[in-house]
């Protein structure tokens, strides 16, 4: 191999290594961003799950009150 060919091969190798380094760096940054977004999404899901539980409890309370009112109305109708 001539010195010029060796220089071209070395230059090509350097370019490929630089591209690989940039790619790895970018992928690490993307992974970090994805992990942060996942944490935010988990927190939001937990918040929404708590909200759903609160709404279900409220619904059950309202249902009980309505059933009590209907029972009272039924007692008035029976008289």
N, C-alpha and C. Protein backbone atom coordinates (compact mmCIF):
# COMPACT_ATOMS: atom_id res chain seq x y z
N UNK A 1 0.85 -1.16 0.00
CA UNK A 1 0.00 0.00 0.00
C UNK A 1 0.90 1.23 0.00
N UNK A 2 0.55 2.17 -0.84
CA UNK A 2 1.36 3.39 -0.93
C UNK A 2 1.05 4.31 0.24
N UNK A 3 1.95 5.24 0.52
CA UNK A 3 1.70 6.18 1.62
C UNK A 3 0.42 6.97 1.42
N UNK A 4 0.08 7.33 0.19
CA UNK A 4 -1.15 8.07 -0.07
C UNK A 4 -2.38 7.23 0.25
N UNK A 5 -2.32 5.92 -0.11
CA UNK A 5 -3.44 5.03 0.19
C UNK A 5 -3.58 4.81 1.70
N UNK A 6 -2.44 4.72 2.38
CA UNK A 6 -2.47 4.56 3.83
C UNK A 6 -3.08 5.80 4.49
N UNK A 7 -2.71 6.97 3.96
CA UNK A 7 -3.25 8.23 4.50
C UNK A 7 -4.76 8.29 4.28
N UNK A 8 -5.22 7.87 3.08
CA UNK A 8 -6.65 7.85 2.80
C UNK A 8 -7.38 6.86 3.72
N UNK A 9 -6.80 5.70 3.94
CA UNK A 9 -7.40 4.70 4.82
C UNK A 9 -7.46 5.21 6.25
N UNK A 10 -6.39 5.85 6.69
CA UNK A 10 -6.36 6.40 8.04
C UNK A 10 -7.37 7.53 8.18
N UNK A 11 -7.44 8.37 7.17
CA UNK A 11 -8.40 9.47 7.19
C UNK A 11 -9.82 8.94 7.21
N UNK A 12 -10.08 7.92 6.42
CA UNK A 12 -11.40 7.30 6.38
C UNK A 12 -11.75 6.68 7.73
N UNK A 13 -10.77 6.01 8.34
CA UNK A 13 -10.98 5.42 9.66
C UNK A 13 -11.26 6.49 10.70
N UNK A 14 -10.51 7.59 10.65
CA UNK A 14 -10.75 8.70 11.58
C UNK A 14 -12.16 9.26 11.42
N UNK A 15 -12.60 9.42 10.18
CA UNK A 15 -13.95 9.92 9.92
C UNK A 15 -15.01 8.98 10.49
N UNK A 16 -14.82 7.69 10.26
CA UNK A 16 -15.79 6.72 10.76
C UNK A 16 -15.81 6.69 12.29
N UNK A 17 -14.65 6.82 12.90
CA UNK A 17 -14.59 6.85 14.37
C UNK A 17 -15.29 8.09 14.90
N UNK A 18 -15.05 9.24 14.27
CA UNK A 18 -15.71 10.48 14.70
C UNK A 18 -17.23 10.36 14.56
N UNK A 19 -17.68 9.79 13.46
CA UNK A 19 -19.12 9.59 13.27
C UNK A 19 -19.69 8.67 14.34
N UNK A 20 -18.95 7.61 14.67
CA UNK A 20 -19.40 6.68 15.70
C UNK A 20 -19.48 7.37 17.06
N UNK A 21 -18.48 8.19 17.37
CA UNK A 21 -18.47 8.92 18.64
C UNK A 21 -19.66 9.86 18.71
N UNK A 22 -19.94 10.58 17.64
CA UNK A 22 -21.09 11.50 17.61
C UNK A 22 -22.40 10.73 17.74
N UNK A 23 -22.47 9.60 17.08
CA UNK A 23 -23.69 8.78 17.15
C UNK A 23 -23.93 8.27 18.57
N UNK A 24 -22.89 7.76 19.20
CA UNK A 24 -23.01 7.28 20.58
C UNK A 24 -23.42 8.42 21.51
N UNK A 25 -22.82 9.57 21.32
CA UNK A 25 -23.15 10.73 22.15
C UNK A 25 -24.61 11.12 21.97
N UNK A 26 -25.06 11.18 20.73
CA UNK A 26 -26.45 11.54 20.46
C UNK A 26 -27.41 10.51 21.04
N UNK A 27 -27.08 9.24 20.88
CA UNK A 27 -27.96 8.18 21.40
C UNK A 27 -28.03 8.22 22.92
N UNK A 28 -26.94 8.52 23.58
CA UNK A 28 -26.96 8.63 25.04
C UNK A 28 -27.85 9.79 25.47
N UNK A 29 -27.75 10.89 24.76
CA UNK A 29 -28.58 12.06 25.08
C UNK A 29 -30.06 11.73 24.85
N UNK A 30 -30.35 11.05 23.74
CA UNK A 30 -31.74 10.66 23.46
C UNK A 30 -32.27 9.71 24.52
N UNK A 31 -31.41 8.78 24.98
CA UNK A 31 -31.83 7.84 26.02
C UNK A 31 -32.13 8.60 27.31
N UNK A 32 -31.28 9.55 27.66
CA UNK A 32 -31.50 10.35 28.87
C UNK A 32 -32.81 11.12 28.79
N UNK A 33 -33.08 11.70 27.62
CA UNK A 33 -34.33 12.43 27.41
C UNK A 33 -35.52 11.48 27.54
N UNK A 34 -35.40 10.30 26.96
CA UNK A 34 -36.49 9.32 27.03
C UNK A 34 -36.75 8.88 28.47
N UNK A 35 -35.69 8.70 29.24
CA UNK A 35 -35.84 8.30 30.64
C UNK A 35 -36.55 9.41 31.42
N UNK A 36 -36.17 10.65 31.17
CA UNK A 36 -36.83 11.78 31.84
C UNK A 36 -38.30 11.88 31.46
N UNK A 37 -38.59 11.71 30.17
CA UNK A 37 -39.98 11.76 29.71
C UNK A 37 -40.79 10.62 30.32
N UNK A 38 -40.19 9.45 30.44
CA UNK A 38 -40.88 8.31 31.05
C UNK A 38 -41.20 8.60 32.51
N UNK A 39 -40.27 9.23 33.21
CA UNK A 39 -40.52 9.57 34.62
C UNK A 39 -41.66 10.56 34.74
N UNK A 40 -41.70 11.53 33.85
CA UNK A 40 -42.80 12.51 33.86
C UNK A 40 -44.12 11.80 33.55
N UNK A 41 -44.10 10.91 32.59
CA UNK A 41 -45.32 10.18 32.22
C UNK A 41 -45.80 9.30 33.37
N UNK A 42 -44.86 8.66 34.08
CA UNK A 42 -45.24 7.84 35.23
C UNK A 42 -45.87 8.70 36.33
N UNK A 43 -45.29 9.85 36.57
CA UNK A 43 -45.84 10.76 37.59
C UNK A 43 -47.25 11.21 37.20
N UNK A 44 -47.43 11.52 35.93
CA UNK A 44 -48.75 11.94 35.44
C UNK A 44 -49.76 10.79 35.56
N UNK A 45 -49.32 9.58 35.24
CA UNK A 45 -50.20 8.41 35.35
C UNK A 45 -50.59 8.18 36.81
N UNK A 46 -49.64 8.34 37.71
CA UNK A 46 -49.95 8.19 39.14
C UNK A 46 -50.95 9.25 39.59
N UNK A 47 -50.75 10.48 39.15
CA UNK A 47 -51.66 11.56 39.51
C UNK A 47 -53.06 11.27 38.99
N UNK A 48 -53.14 10.84 37.74
CA UNK A 48 -54.45 10.54 37.14
C UNK A 48 -55.11 9.35 37.82
N UNK A 49 -54.33 8.36 38.21
CA UNK A 49 -54.90 7.21 38.93
C UNK A 49 -55.49 7.66 40.26
N UNK A 50 -54.81 8.56 40.94
CA UNK A 50 -55.34 9.09 42.19
C UNK A 50 -56.62 9.87 41.97
N UNK A 51 -56.65 10.63 40.88
CA UNK A 51 -57.84 11.40 40.55
C UNK A 51 -59.01 10.47 40.24
N UNK A 52 -58.74 9.39 39.52
CA UNK A 52 -59.79 8.42 39.19
C UNK A 52 -60.35 7.80 40.47
N UNK A 53 -59.45 7.43 41.40
CA UNK A 53 -59.92 6.85 42.66
C UNK A 53 -60.80 7.83 43.43
N UNK A 54 -60.39 9.09 43.45
CA UNK A 54 -61.18 10.10 44.15
C UNK A 54 -62.55 10.26 43.50
N UNK A 55 -62.58 10.26 42.17
CA UNK A 55 -63.86 10.40 41.47
C UNK A 55 -64.74 9.18 41.68
N UNK A 56 -64.14 8.01 41.73
CA UNK A 56 -64.93 6.80 41.99
C UNK A 56 -65.52 6.84 43.40
N UNK A 57 -64.73 7.29 44.36
CA UNK A 57 -65.23 7.39 45.73
C UNK A 57 -66.38 8.40 45.79
N UNK A 58 -66.22 9.51 45.09
CA UNK A 58 -67.28 10.53 45.05
C UNK A 58 -68.54 9.96 44.40
N UNK A 59 -68.35 9.23 43.32
CA UNK A 59 -69.49 8.62 42.62
C UNK A 59 -70.23 7.65 43.54
N UNK A 60 -69.48 6.85 44.28
CA UNK A 60 -70.11 5.90 45.20
C UNK A 60 -70.88 6.62 46.30
N UNK A 61 -70.32 7.73 46.77
CA UNK A 61 -71.00 8.51 47.79
C UNK A 61 -72.29 9.10 47.24
N UNK A 62 -72.24 9.64 46.04
CA UNK A 62 -73.44 10.21 45.42
C UNK A 62 -74.47 9.11 45.17
N UNK A 63 -74.02 7.95 44.72
CA UNK A 63 -74.94 6.83 44.48
C UNK A 63 -75.66 6.46 45.78
N UNK A 64 -74.91 6.40 46.88
CA UNK A 64 -75.52 6.06 48.17
C UNK A 64 -76.55 7.09 48.59
N UNK A 65 -76.24 8.35 48.38
CA UNK A 65 -77.19 9.41 48.75
C UNK A 65 -78.45 9.33 47.89
N UNK A 66 -78.27 9.06 46.59
CA UNK A 66 -79.43 8.95 45.70
C UNK A 66 -80.28 7.75 46.08
N UNK A 67 -79.65 6.63 46.40
CA UNK A 67 -80.40 5.44 46.83
C UNK A 67 -81.18 5.73 48.10
N UNK A 68 -80.58 6.48 49.01
CA UNK A 68 -81.27 6.84 50.25
C UNK A 68 -82.48 7.72 49.95
N UNK A 69 -82.30 8.69 49.02
CA UNK A 69 -83.42 9.57 48.65
C UNK A 69 -84.53 8.77 47.97
N UNK A 70 -84.16 7.84 47.09
CA UNK A 70 -85.17 7.00 46.42
C UNK A 70 -85.91 6.14 47.43
N UNK A 71 -85.21 5.66 48.43
CA UNK A 71 -85.85 4.87 49.46
C UNK A 71 -86.85 5.71 50.24
N UNK A 72 -86.47 6.94 50.52
CA UNK A 72 -87.37 7.85 51.23
C UNK A 72 -88.61 8.13 50.39
N UNK A 73 -88.41 8.33 49.08
CA UNK A 73 -89.54 8.57 48.18
C UNK A 73 -90.45 7.34 48.14
N UNK A 74 -89.83 6.16 48.09
CA UNK A 74 -90.65 4.92 48.09
C UNK A 74 -91.47 4.82 49.36
N UNK A 75 -90.91 5.21 50.48
CA UNK A 75 -91.66 5.15 51.75
C UNK A 75 -92.82 6.13 51.72
N UNK A 76 -92.63 7.29 51.10
CA UNK A 76 -93.74 8.26 50.98
C UNK A 76 -94.84 7.71 50.09
N UNK A 77 -94.44 7.02 49.04
CA UNK A 77 -95.43 6.46 48.10
C UNK A 77 -96.24 5.35 48.76
N UNK A 78 -95.62 4.62 49.66
CA UNK A 78 -96.29 3.49 50.32
C UNK A 78 -97.33 3.96 51.33
N UNK A 79 -97.21 5.17 51.78
CA UNK A 79 -98.12 5.65 52.82
C UNK A 79 -99.43 6.08 52.25
